[in-house]
PDB file of N, CA and C in Angstrom:
ATOM      1  N   MET A   1      16.160 -49.700  -4.144  1.00  0.00           N
ATOM      2  CA  MET A   1      15.105 -50.940  -4.590  1.00  0.00           C
ATOM      3  C   MET A   1      15.402 -50.692  -6.023  1.00  0.00           C
ATOM      4  N   SER A   2      15.629 -49.460  -6.770  1.00  0.00           N
ATOM      5  CA  SER A   2      15.186 -49.524  -8.012  1.00  0.00           C
ATOM      6  C   SER A   2      16.820 -49.330  -8.674  1.00  0.00           C
ATOM      7  N   MET A   3      17.876 -49.506  -7.617  1.00  0.00           N
ATOM      8  CA  MET A   3      19.218 -49.599  -8.718  1.00  0.00           C
ATOM      9  C   MET A   3      19.203 -51.188  -8.979  1.00  0.00           C
ATOM     10  N   PRO A   4      19.089 -52.173  -8.382  1.00  0.00           N
ATOM     11  CA  PRO A   4      19.419 -53.371  -9.441  1.00  0.00           C
ATOM     12  C   PRO A   4      18.654 -53.209 -10.513  1.00  0.00           C
ATOM     13  N   PHE A   5      17.334 -52.728 -10.501  1.00  0.00           N
ATOM     14  CA  PHE A   5      16.449 -53.224 -11.360  1.00  0.00           C
ATOM     15  C   PHE A   5      17.295 -52.273 -12.836  1.00  0.00           C
ATOM     16  N   ASN A   6      17.707 -50.823 -12.365  1.00  0.00           N
ATOM     17  CA  ASN A   6      18.940 -50.000 -13.626  1.00  0.00           C
ATOM     18  C   ASN A   6      19.582 -50.892 -14.236  1.00  0.00           C
ATOM     19  N   VAL A   7      20.341 -51.406 -12.933  1.00  0.00           N
ATOM     20  CA  VAL A   7      21.647 -52.304 -13.681  1.00  0.00           C
ATOM     21  C   VAL A   7      21.136 -53.354 -14.539  1.00  0.00           C
ATOM     22  N   ILE A   8      19.904 -54.233 -14.046  1.00  0.00           N
ATOM     23  CA  ILE A   8      19.924 -55.182 -14.985  1.00  0.00           C
ATOM     24  C   ILE A   8      19.510 -54.608 -16.273  1.00  0.00           C
ATOM     25  N   SER A   9      18.685 -53.960 -16.092  1.00  0.00           N
ATOM     26  CA  SER A   9      18.144 -52.988 -17.493  1.00  0.00           C
ATOM     27  C   SER A   9      19.240 -52.978 -18.569  1.00  0.00           C
ATOM     28  N   LEU A  10      20.213 -52.167 -17.998  1.00  0.00           N
ATOM     29  CA  LEU A  10      21.337 -51.677 -18.397  1.00  0.00           C
ATOM     30  C   LEU A  10      22.226 -52.932 -19.286  1.00  0.00           C
ATOM     31  N   SER A  11      22.410 -53.865 -18.145  1.00  0.00           N
ATOM     32  CA  SER A  11      23.278 -55.014 -18.834  1.00  0.00           C
ATOM     33  C   SER A  11      22.569 -55.658 -20.039  1.00  0.00           C
ATOM     34  N   CYS A  12      21.039 -55.921 -19.639  1.00  0.00           N
ATOM     35  CA  CYS A  12      20.675 -56.929 -20.561  1.00  0.00           C
ATOM     36  C   CYS A  12      20.539 -55.731 -22.109  1.00  0.00           C
ATOM     37  N   THR A  13      20.369 -54.595 -22.156  1.00  0.00           N
ATOM     38  CA  THR A  13      20.375 -53.816 -23.151  1.00  0.00           C
ATOM     39  C   THR A  13      21.502 -53.733 -23.662  1.00  0.00           C
ATOM     40  N   LEU A  14      22.685 -53.941 -22.896  1.00  0.00           N
ATOM     41  CA  LEU A  14      23.873 -54.010 -23.905  1.00  0.00           C
ATOM     42  C   LEU A  14      24.337 -55.179 -24.254  1.00  0.00           C
ATOM     43  N   TRP A  15      23.791 -56.317 -23.971  1.00  0.00           N
ATOM     44  CA  TRP A  15      23.769 -57.703 -24.271  1.00  0.00           C
ATOM     45  C   TRP A  15      23.021 -57.793 -25.364  1.00  0.00           C
ATOM     46  N   ALA A  16      21.889 -57.293 -25.203  1.00  0.00           N
ATOM     47  CA  ALA A  16      20.986 -57.373 -26.623  1.00  0.00           C
ATOM     48  C   ALA A  16      21.883 -56.563 -27.887  1.00  0.00           C
ATOM     49  N   PHE A  17      22.389 -55.624 -27.419  1.00  0.00           N
ATOM     50  CA  PHE A  17      23.090 -54.862 -28.456  1.00  0.00           C
ATOM     51  C   PHE A  17      24.555 -55.769 -29.505  1.00  0.00           C
ATOM     52  N   VAL A  18      25.043 -56.251 -28.277  1.00  0.00           N
ATOM     53  CA  VAL A  18      26.161 -56.924 -28.878  1.00  0.00           C
ATOM     54  C   VAL A  18      25.693 -58.281 -29.337  1.00  0.00           C
ATOM     55  N   LEU A  19      24.985 -58.740 -29.092  1.00  0.00           N
ATOM     56  CA  LEU A  19      24.405 -60.393 -29.761  1.00  0.00           C
ATOM     57  C   LEU A  19      23.822 -60.192 -31.022  1.00  0.00           C
ATOM     58  N   GLY A  20      22.875 -58.713 -30.942  1.00  0.00           N
ATOM     59  CA  GLY A  20      21.603 -58.429 -32.042  1.00  0.00           C
ATOM     60  C   GLY A  20      23.388 -58.097 -33.401  1.00  0.00           C
ATOM     61  N   SER A  21      24.256 -57.554 -32.810  1.00  0.00           N
ATOM     62  CA  SER A  21      25.119 -56.841 -33.826  1.00  0.00           C
ATOM     63  C   SER A  21      26.210 -58.294 -34.758  1.00  0.00           C
ATOM     64  N   LEU A  22      26.420 -59.202 -33.193  1.00  0.00           N
ATOM     65  CA  LEU A  22      27.544 -60.404 -33.690  1.00  0.00           C
ATOM     66  C   LEU A  22      26.269 -61.476 -34.637  1.00  0.00           C
ATOM     67  N   LEU A  23      25.120 -61.205 -34.389  1.00  0.00           N
ATOM     68  CA  LEU A  23      23.939 -62.419 -35.218  1.00  0.00           C
ATOM     69  C   LEU A  23      24.147 -61.177 -36.558  1.00  0.00           C
ATOM     70  N   ASN A  24      24.044 -60.134 -36.913  1.00  0.00           N
ATOM     71  CA  ASN A  24      23.495 -59.273 -37.738  1.00  0.00           C
ATOM     72  C   ASN A  24      25.049 -59.708 -38.890  1.00  0.00           C
ATOM     73  N   ILE A  25      26.606 -59.476 -38.219  1.00  0.00           N
ATOM     74  CA  ILE A  25      27.217 -59.904 -38.919  1.00  0.00           C
ATOM     75  C   ILE A  25      27.444 -61.619 -39.324  1.00  0.00           C
ATOM     76  N   LEU A  26      27.392 -62.341 -38.784  1.00  0.00           N
ATOM     77  CA  LEU A  26      27.131 -63.540 -39.038  1.00  0.00           C
ATOM     78  C   LEU A  26      26.332 -63.644 -40.060  1.00  0.00           C
ATOM     79  N   VAL A  27      24.802 -63.607 -39.993  1.00  0.00           N
ATOM     80  CA  VAL A  27      24.054 -63.428 -41.018  1.00  0.00           C
ATOM     81  C   VAL A  27      24.626 -62.979 -42.344  1.00  0.00           C
ATOM     82  N   LYS A  28      24.993 -61.846 -42.582  1.00  0.00           N
ATOM     83  CA  LYS A  28      25.659 -61.064 -43.797  1.00  0.00           C
ATOM     84  C   LYS A  28      26.752 -62.305 -44.518  1.00  0.00           C
ATOM     85  N   ARG A  29      27.882 -62.751 -43.411  1.00  0.00           N
ATOM     86  CA  ARG A  29      28.875 -63.271 -43.917  1.00  0.00           C
ATOM     87  C   ARG A  29      28.007 -64.514 -44.585  1.00  0.00           C
ATOM     88  N   ALA A  30      27.304 -65.463 -44.127  1.00  0.00           N
ATOM     89  CA  ALA A  30      26.383 -66.115 -44.110  1.00  0.00           C
ATOM     90  C   ALA A  30      25.750 -66.299 -45.629  1.00  0.00           C
ATOM     91  N   THR A  31      25.290 -65.388 -45.494  1.00  0.00           N
ATOM     92  CA  THR A  31      24.180 -64.921 -47.014  1.00  0.00           C
ATOM     93  C   THR A  31      25.423 -65.111 -48.244  1.00  0.00           C
ATOM     94  N   GLU A  32      26.524 -63.945 -47.927  1.00  0.00           N
ATOM     95  CA  GLU A  32      27.691 -64.070 -48.982  1.00  0.00           C
ATOM     96  C   GLU A  32      28.158 -65.052 -49.183  1.00  0.00           C
ATOM     97  N   SER A  33      28.701 -66.008 -48.494  1.00  0.00           N
ATOM     98  CA  SER A  33      28.924 -67.218 -49.134  1.00  0.00           C
ATOM     99  C   SER A  33      28.157 -67.934 -49.647  1.00  0.00           C
ATOM    100  N   VAL A  34      26.836 -68.209 -48.990  1.00  0.00           N
ATOM    101  CA  VAL A  34      26.033 -69.238 -49.877  1.00  0.00           C
ATOM    102  C   VAL A  34      25.706 -68.355 -51.273  1.00  0.00           C
ATOM    103  N   LYS A  35      25.707 -67.026 -51.290  1.00  0.00           N
ATOM    104  CA  LYS A  35      25.707 -66.522 -53.076  1.00  0.00           C
ATOM    105  C   LYS A  35      26.421 -66.657 -53.789  1.00  0.00           C
ATOM    106  N   THR A  36      27.471 -66.952 -53.070  1.00  0.00           N
ATOM    107  CA  THR A  36      29.278 -67.067 -53.730  1.00  0.00           C
ATOM    108  C   THR A  36      29.117 -68.579 -54.390  1.00  0.00           C
ATOM    109  N   ASP A  37      28.654 -69.543 -53.577  1.00  0.00           N
ATOM    110  CA  ASP A  37      28.528 -70.560 -53.688  1.00  0.00           C
ATOM    111  C   ASP A  37      27.860 -71.230 -55.164  1.00  0.00           C
ATOM    112  N   PHE A  38      26.653 -70.390 -54.783  1.00  0.00           N
ATOM    113  CA  PHE A  38      25.585 -70.745 -56.121  1.00  0.00           C
ATOM    114  C   PHE A  38      25.786 -70.026 -57.614  1.00  0.00           C
ATOM    115  N   THR A  39      26.428 -69.268 -57.632  1.00  0.00           N
ATOM    116  CA  THR A  39      26.823 -68.284 -58.813  1.00  0.00           C
ATOM    117  C   THR A  39      28.421 -68.449 -59.170  1.00  0.00           C
ATOM    118  N   GLY A  40      29.201 -68.932 -58.036  1.00  0.00           N
ATOM    119  CA  GLY A  40      30.379 -69.527 -58.820  1.00  0.00           C
ATOM    120  C   GLY A  40      31.462 -68.315 -58.878  1.00  0.00           C
ATOM    121  N   GLU A  41      30.893 -67.011 -58.295  1.00  0.00           N
ATOM    122  CA  GLU A  41      31.720 -65.715 -57.978  1.00  0.00           C
ATOM    123  C   GLU A  41      32.974 -66.031 -57.192  1.00  0.00           C
ATOM    124  N   LYS A  42      33.626 -65.228 -57.438  1.00  0.00           N
ATOM    125  CA  LYS A  42      34.615 -65.510 -56.032  1.00  0.00           C
ATOM    126  C   LYS A  42      34.507 -63.601 -55.099  1.00  0.00           C
ATOM    127  N   GLU A  43      34.600 -63.795 -54.014  1.00  0.00           N
ATOM    128  CA  GLU A  43      34.341 -63.032 -52.997  1.00  0.00           C
ATOM    129  C   GLU A  43      35.447 -61.756 -53.074  1.00  0.00           C
ATOM    130  N   LYS A  44      35.152 -60.343 -53.703  1.00  0.00           N
ATOM    131  CA  LYS A  44      35.844 -59.531 -53.822  1.00  0.00           C
ATOM    132  C   LYS A  44      36.458 -58.571 -52.041  1.00  0.00           C
ATOM    133  N   ARG A  45      37.784 -58.393 -52.191  1.00  0.00           N
ATOM    134  CA  ARG A  45      38.011 -57.966 -51.263  1.00  0.00           C
ATOM    135  C   ARG A  45      37.351 -56.512 -51.132  1.00  0.00           C
ATOM    136  N   PRO A  46      37.667 -55.816 -49.609  1.00  0.00           N
ATOM    137  CA  PRO A  46      37.417 -54.427 -49.789  1.00  0.00           C
ATOM    138  C   PRO A  46      38.190 -53.463 -50.745  1.00  0.00           C
ATOM    139  N   ILE A  47      39.459 -53.693 -50.567  1.00  0.00           N
ATOM    140  CA  ILE A  47      40.261 -52.904 -51.482  1.00  0.00           C
ATOM    141  C   ILE A  47      39.941 -53.440 -52.952  1.00  0.00           C
ATOM    142  N   ASP A  48      39.515 -54.677 -53.449  1.00  0.00           N
ATOM    143  CA  ASP A  48      39.013 -54.703 -54.770  1.00  0.00           C
ATOM    144  C   ASP A  48      37.944 -53.525 -54.991  1.00  0.00           C
ATOM    145  N   LYS A  49      36.711 -53.932 -54.183  1.00  0.00           N
ATOM    146  CA  LYS A  49      35.571 -53.069 -54.274  1.00  0.00           C
ATOM    147  C   LYS A  49      36.073 -51.560 -54.612  1.00  0.00           C
ATOM    148  N   LEU A  50      37.018 -50.946 -53.664  1.00  0.00           N
ATOM    149  CA  LEU A  50      37.364 -49.732 -53.957  1.00  0.00           C
ATOM    150  C   LEU A  50      37.654 -49.303 -55.118  1.00  0.00           C
ATOM    151  N   LYS A  51      38.923 -50.052 -55.293  1.00  0.00           N
ATOM    152  CA  LYS A  51      39.469 -50.067 -56.662  1.00  0.00           C
ATOM    153  C   LYS A  51      38.411 -49.560 -57.727  1.00  0.00           C
ATOM    154  N   GLU A  52      37.240 -51.033 -57.955  1.00  0.00           N
ATOM    155  CA  GLU A  52      36.281 -50.662 -59.135  1.00  0.00           C
ATOM    156  C   GLU A  52      35.623 -49.644 -58.491  1.00  0.00           C
ATOM    157  N   LYS A  53      35.392 -49.064 -57.220  1.00  0.00           N
ATOM    158  CA  LYS A  53      34.145 -47.644 -57.538  1.00  0.00           C
ATOM    159  C   LYS A  53      35.142 -46.852 -58.125  1.00  0.00           C
ATOM    160  N   PHE A  54      36.601 -46.809 -57.882  1.00  0.00           N
ATOM    161  CA  PHE A  54      37.305 -45.605 -58.049  1.00  0.00           C
ATOM    162  C   PHE A  54      37.477 -45.308 -59.935  1.00  0.00           C
ATOM    163  N   LYS A  55      37.796 -46.943 -60.415  1.00  0.00           N
ATOM    164  CA  LYS A  55      37.791 -46.339 -61.779  1.00  0.00           C
ATOM    165  C   LYS A  55      36.496 -46.203 -62.198  1.00  0.00           C
ATOM    166  N   ASP A  56      35.359 -46.720 -62.091  1.00  0.00           N
ATOM    167  CA  ASP A  56      34.281 -46.169 -62.594  1.00  0.00           C
ATOM    168  C   ASP A  56      33.858 -44.764 -62.296  1.00  0.00           C
ATOM    169  N   LYS A  57      34.306 -44.453 -61.340  1.00  0.00           N
ATOM    170  CA  LYS A  57      34.550 -42.817 -60.979  1.00  0.00           C
ATOM    171  C   LYS A  57      35.401 -41.745 -61.799  1.00  0.00           C
ATOM    172  N   ILE A  58      36.393 -42.462 -62.073  1.00  0.00           N
ATOM    173  CA  ILE A  58      37.246 -42.109 -63.409  1.00  0.00           C
ATOM    174  C   ILE A  58      36.859 -41.839 -64.946  1.00  0.00           C
ATOM    175  N   GLY A  59      35.856 -42.851 -65.030  1.00  0.00           N
ATOM    176  CA  GLY A  59      35.569 -43.424 -66.170  1.00  0.00           C
ATOM    177  C   GLY A  59      34.491 -42.298 -66.426  1.00  0.00           C
ATOM    178  N   ARG A  60      33.907 -42.102 -65.494  1.00  0.00           N
ATOM    179  CA  ARG A  60      32.349 -41.227 -65.535  1.00  0.00           C
ATOM    180  C   ARG A  60      33.016 -39.526 -66.127  1.00  0.00           C
ATOM    181  N   LEU A  61      34.222 -39.164 -65.008  1.00  0.00           N
ATOM    182  CA  LEU A  61      34.834 -38.050 -65.303  1.00  0.00           C
ATOM    183  C   LEU A  61      35.275 -38.004 -66.559  1.00  0.00           C
ATOM    184  N   LYS A  62      35.733 -39.071 -66.851  1.00  0.00           N
ATOM    185  CA  LYS A  62      36.505 -38.527 -68.523  1.00  0.00           C
ATOM    186  C   LYS A  62      35.509 -39.129 -69.442  1.00  0.00           C
ATOM    187  N   SER A  63      34.510 -39.323 -69.058  1.00  0.00           N
ATOM    188  CA  SER A  63      33.016 -39.027 -70.054  1.00  0.00           C
ATOM    189  C   SER A  63      32.602 -37.818 -70.488  1.00  0.00           C
ATOM    190  N   VAL A  64      32.417 -37.394 -69.267  1.00  0.00           N
ATOM    191  CA  VAL A  64      32.423 -35.612 -69.338  1.00  0.00           C
ATOM    192  C   VAL A  64      33.046 -34.978 -69.437  1.00  0.00           C
ATOM    193  N   PHE A  65      34.610 -35.019 -69.545  1.00  0.00           N
ATOM    194  CA  PHE A  65      35.197 -33.922 -70.183  1.00  0.00           C
ATOM    195  C   PHE A  65      35.426 -33.976 -71.462  1.00  0.00           C
ATOM    196  N   ARG A  66      35.002 -35.387 -72.083  1.00  0.00           N
ATOM    197  CA  ARG A  66      35.392 -35.850 -73.503  1.00  0.00           C
ATOM    198  C   ARG A  66      34.267 -34.640 -74.351  1.00  0.00           C
ATOM    199  N   LYS A  67      32.614 -35.061 -73.306  1.00  0.00           N
ATOM    200  CA  LYS A  67      31.827 -34.386 -73.899  1.00  0.00           C
ATOM    201  C   LYS A  67      31.851 -32.974 -74.538  1.00  0.00           C
ATOM    202  N   GLU A  68      32.127 -32.500 -72.748  1.00  0.00           N
ATOM    203  CA  GLU A  68      32.443 -30.951 -73.059  1.00  0.00           C
ATOM    204  C   GLU A  68      33.624 -30.542 -73.915  1.00  0.00           C
ATOM    205  N   ALA A  69      34.824 -30.907 -74.232  1.00  0.00           N
ATOM    206  CA  ALA A  69      35.617 -31.018 -75.021  1.00  0.00           C
ATOM    207  C   ALA A  69      34.746 -31.250 -76.612  1.00  0.00           C
ATOM    208  N   LYS A  70      34.411 -31.486 -76.887  1.00  0.00           N
ATOM    209  CA  LYS A  70      33.681 -31.939 -78.164  1.00  0.00           C
ATOM    210  C   LYS A  70      32.680 -30.933 -78.229  1.00  0.00           C
ATOM    211  N   ALA A  71      31.811 -30.455 -77.176  1.00  0.00           N
ATOM    212  CA  ALA A  71      30.710 -29.182 -77.325  1.00  0.00           C
ATOM    213  C   ALA A  71      31.952 -28.175 -77.611  1.00  0.00           C
ATOM    214  N   ASN A  72      33.001 -28.016 -77.219  1.00  0.00           N
ATOM    215  CA  ASN A  72      33.658 -26.735 -76.820  1.00  0.00           C
ATOM    216  C   ASN A  72      34.655 -26.671 -78.575  1.00  0.00           C
ATOM    217  N   ALA A  73      34.976 -27.696 -78.944  1.00  0.00           N
ATOM    218  CA  ALA A  73      35.293 -27.855 -80.056  1.00  0.00           C
ATOM    219  C   ALA A  73      34.412 -27.544 -81.362  1.00  0.00           C
ATOM    220  N   ALA A  74      32.986 -28.058 -81.077  1.00  0.00           N
ATOM    221  CA  ALA A  74      31.880 -27.593 -82.300  1.00  0.00           C
ATOM    222  C   ALA A  74      31.795 -26.692 -82.486  1.00  0.00           C
ATOM    223  N   THR A  75      31.619 -25.539 -80.739  1.00  0.00           N
ATOM    224  CA  THR A  75      31.327 -24.273 -80.730  1.00  0.00           C
ATOM    225  C   THR A  75      32.323 -23.405 -81.401  1.00  0.00           C
ATOM    226  N   ASN A  76      33.816 -23.577 -81.031  1.00  0.00           N
ATOM    227  CA  ASN A  76      34.800 -22.971 -81.677  1.00  0.00           C
ATOM    228  C   ASN A  76      35.190 -22.942 -83.250  1.00  0.00           C
ATOM    229  N   THR A  77      34.568 -24.662 -83.506  1.00  0.00           N
ATOM    230  CA  THR A  77      34.718 -24.036 -85.057  1.00  0.00           C
ATOM    231  C   THR A  77      33.432 -23.396 -85.844  1.00  0.00           C
ATOM    232  N   ASN A  78      32.395 -23.076 -85.089  1.00  0.00           N
ATOM    233  CA  ASN A  78      31.458 -22.777 -85.406  1.00  0.00           C
ATOM    234  C   ASN A  78      30.999 -21.074 -85.614  1.00  0.00           C
ATOM    235  N   GLU A  79      32.261 -20.911 -84.425  1.00  0.00           N
ATOM    236  CA  GLU A  79      32.728 -19.453 -84.273  1.00  0.00           C
ATOM    237  C   GLU A  79      33.762 -18.865 -85.564  1.00  0.00           C
ATOM    238  N   THR A  80      34.475 -19.560 -85.952  1.00  0.00           N
ATOM    239  CA  THR A  80      35.484 -19.665 -86.646  1.00  0.00           C
ATOM    240  C   THR A  80      35.137 -19.326 -87.738  1.00  0.00           C
ATOM    241  N   ALA A  81      33.721 -20.076 -88.305  1.00  0.00           N
ATOM    242  CA  ALA A  81      33.690 -20.496 -89.342  1.00  0.00           C
ATOM    243  C   ALA A  81      32.394 -18.986 -90.110  1.00  0.00           C
ATOM    244  N   GLU A  82      31.775 -18.601 -88.835  1.00  0.00           N
ATOM    245  CA  GLU A  82      31.161 -17.302 -88.999  1.00  0.00           C
ATOM    246  C   GLU A  82      32.078 -16.293 -89.070  1.00  0.00           C
ATOM    247  N   MET A  83      33.270 -16.250 -88.256  1.00  0.00           N
ATOM    248  CA  MET A  83      34.130 -15.224 -88.653  1.00  0.00           C
ATOM    249  C   MET A  83      34.732 -14.875 -89.691  1.00  0.00           C
ATOM    250  N   ASP A  84      35.378 -16.077 -90.869  1.00  0.00           N
ATOM    251  CA  ASP A  84      35.639 -15.960 -91.657  1.00  0.00           C
ATOM    252  C   ASP A  84      34.135 -15.624 -92.692  1.00  0.00           C
ATOM    253  N   ALA A  85      33.183 -16.064 -92.378  1.00  0.00           N
ATOM    254  CA  ALA A  85      32.169 -15.667 -93.406  1.00  0.00           C
ATOM    255  C   ALA A  85      31.825 -13.892 -93.426  1.00  0.00           C
ATOM    256  N   ASN A  86      32.234 -13.124 -92.187  1.00  0.00           N
ATOM    257  CA  ASN A  86      32.132 -12.460 -92.053  1.00  0.00           C
ATOM    258  C   ASN A  86      33.065 -11.117 -92.998  1.00  0.00           C
ATOM    259  N   LYS A  87      34.211 -11.860 -92.773  1.00  0.00           N
ATOM    260  CA  LYS A  87      35.034 -11.123 -93.391  1.00  0.00           C
ATOM    261  C   LYS A  87      35.157 -10.764 -94.741  1.00  0.00           C
TER     262      LYS A  87
END
């Protein structure tokens, strides 16, 4: 007698999962489209979002390397000046 109950429970759980996921996707898309209508921004494609993130990361790395290069250059000039003073 418990097998029909298990089948009904599992099938209802599956349908709840499917419908919940579908509703979540639809709400996200509707929210984004309303936001773009009010702000006037164009919706970015996923590849454009990835490109933007990649450019940001590269820019951050460049700035870190520039800071390190400046710090190294400053220490090298200080060491050279100290060596010249000691001669």
